[in-house]
Amino acid sequence: VQLVESGGGLVQAGGSLRLSCAASGSDFSRNNMGWYRQAPGKERELVATITSSGKTTYADSVMGRFAITKDNAKDTITMYLQMNSLKPEDTAVYYCVSHGWGKTWQYWGQGTQVTVSS
């Protein structure tokens, strides 16, 4: 099983980024997926989730600014996190997760750094 994130980087406040997570090695189409983030000195925060049926949830801190989507292909799934109106407090390492819910997830990606400058 592999979850590989990409798309992180440095952006100015108010800007946008789109993170991607390429998932392979399991039947991701039948499982929930999501994005976590962790900023230095802070606890991990579940940012957004998407169920196998496409239902989405968001943390209050990103509601209305972030959007989680996924594309189901035959052997791989790509999940996205579109991040708009970025704020310095969005600076964190963002992790793709799968096969889980709430605080318990079986698979984690390696993380991608997002830095928002003021």
Protein backbone atom coordinates (compact mmCIF):
# COMPACT_ATOMS: atom_id res chain seq x y z
CA VAL A 1 0.00 0.00 0.00
CA GLN A 2 1.30 3.41 -0.94
CA LEU A 3 0.03 6.92 -0.36
CA VAL A 4 2.20 9.53 -2.05
CA GLU A 5 1.47 13.22 -1.54
CA SER A 6 2.60 16.03 -3.80
CA GLY A 7 1.81 19.66 -4.45
CA GLY A 8 3.07 21.31 -1.31
CA GLY A 9 5.19 24.43 -1.36
CA LEU A 10 5.52 28.05 -0.39
CA VAL A 11 2.67 30.45 -1.12
CA GLN A 12 1.71 33.93 -0.02
CA ALA A 13 -1.30 34.50 2.19
CA GLY A 14 -4.45 34.61 0.11
CA GLY A 15 -3.01 32.25 -2.46
CA SER A 16 -3.98 28.72 -3.45
CA LEU A 17 -2.40 25.30 -3.62
CA ARG A 18 -3.69 21.90 -4.67
CA LEU A 19 -2.35 18.84 -2.92
CA SER A 20 -2.53 15.42 -4.55
CA CYS A 21 -2.39 11.96 -3.02
CA ALA A 22 -1.76 8.99 -5.29
CA ALA A 23 -3.04 5.83 -3.60
CA SER A 24 -2.23 2.31 -4.76
CA GLY A 25 -1.99 -1.25 -3.48
CA SER A 26 -5.45 -1.64 -1.96
CA ASP A 27 -9.10 -1.14 -2.75
CA PHE A 28 -9.22 2.52 -1.82
CA SER A 29 -12.52 3.00 -3.61
CA ARG A 30 -14.29 1.19 -0.76
CA ASN A 31 -12.63 3.08 2.05
CA ASN A 32 -12.70 6.51 3.59
CA MET A 33 -9.81 8.84 2.90
CA GLY A 34 -8.72 12.15 4.28
CA TRP A 35 -6.13 14.81 4.95
CA TYR A 36 -4.44 15.52 8.26
CA ARG A 37 -2.05 18.33 9.03
CA GLN A 38 0.44 19.01 11.77
CA ALA A 39 2.06 22.32 12.50
CA PRO A 40 5.21 22.64 14.64
CA GLY A 41 4.35 22.41 18.31
CA LYS A 42 0.69 21.65 17.64
CA GLU A 43 -1.42 18.51 17.68
CA ARG A 44 -2.38 16.80 14.45
CA GLU A 45 -5.62 18.11 13.01
CA LEU A 46 -7.99 16.22 10.75
CA VAL A 47 -8.59 18.73 7.96
CA ALA A 48 -11.01 16.95 5.63
CA THR A 49 -12.44 13.52 4.89
CA ILE A 50 -14.21 11.88 2.00
CA THR A 51 -16.16 8.64 2.22
CA SER A 52 -16.32 5.89 -0.37
CA SER A 53 -19.61 7.39 -1.54
CA GLY A 54 -18.13 10.87 -1.84
CA LYS A 55 -19.56 12.48 1.30
CA THR A 56 -17.18 15.12 2.65
CA THR A 57 -16.48 16.70 6.03
CA TYR A 58 -14.23 19.59 6.97
CA ALA A 59 -12.64 21.05 10.05
CA ASP A 60 -14.18 24.37 11.04
CA SER A 61 -10.83 26.04 10.47
CA VAL A 62 -10.89 25.29 6.73
CA MET A 63 -14.62 25.22 5.97
CA GLY A 64 -15.40 27.23 2.87
CA ARG A 65 -11.73 27.50 1.85
CA PHE A 66 -10.64 23.89 1.25
CA ALA A 67 -12.23 21.23 -0.92
CA ILE A 68 -11.50 17.51 -0.90
CA THR A 69 -12.18 15.40 -3.98
CA LYS A 70 -11.02 12.11 -5.45
CA ASP A 71 -10.79 10.42 -8.82
CA ASN A 72 -11.47 6.68 -8.91
CA ALA A 73 -9.50 4.78 -11.51
CA LYS A 74 -9.18 1.05 -12.06
CA ASP A 75 -6.01 0.42 -10.09
CA THR A 76 -5.25 3.72 -8.40
CA ILE A 77 -7.10 6.55 -6.76
CA THR A 78 -5.95 10.14 -6.66
CA MET A 79 -7.30 12.32 -3.88
CA TYR A 80 -6.98 16.10 -3.94
CA LEU A 81 -7.14 18.94 -1.48
CA GLN A 82 -7.80 22.28 -3.12
CA MET A 83 -6.73 24.99 -0.70
CA ASN A 84 -7.85 28.56 -1.34
CA SER A 85 -7.53 31.80 0.62
CA LEU A 86 -4.58 30.34 2.46
CA LYS A 87 -3.56 31.82 5.79
CA PRO A 88 -0.25 31.68 7.67
CA GLU A 89 -1.94 29.42 10.22
CA ASP A 90 -2.46 26.84 7.47
CA THR A 91 1.31 26.25 7.49
CA ALA A 92 1.88 22.59 8.34
CA VAL A 93 2.90 19.22 7.02
CA TYR A 94 -0.13 17.72 5.29
CA TYR A 95 -0.66 13.96 5.34
CA CYS A 96 -2.89 11.80 3.18
CA VAL A 97 -4.67 9.05 5.14
CA SER A 98 -6.89 6.11 4.27
CA HIS A 99 -8.85 3.21 5.71
CA GLY A 100 -10.19 4.76 8.85
CA TRP A 101 -12.30 7.45 10.46
CA GLY A 102 -11.98 10.02 13.20
CA LYS A 103 -8.62 9.65 14.91
CA THR A 104 -7.86 6.14 13.65
CA TRP A 105 -6.42 5.62 10.18
CA GLN A 106 -4.58 2.56 8.92
CA TYR A 107 -2.48 4.09 6.15
CA TRP A 108 -0.52 7.34 6.10
CA GLY A 109 1.50 9.10 3.45
CA GLN A 110 4.91 10.61 4.07
CA GLY A 111 3.61 14.17 4.19
CA THR A 112 4.10 17.31 2.14
CA GLN A 113 5.06 20.71 3.53
CA VAL A 114 2.80 23.69 3.01
CA THR A 115 4.16 27.07 4.04
CA VAL A 116 2.04 30.21 3.86
CA SER A 117 3.90 33.49 4.22
CA SER A 118 2.26 36.63 5.53
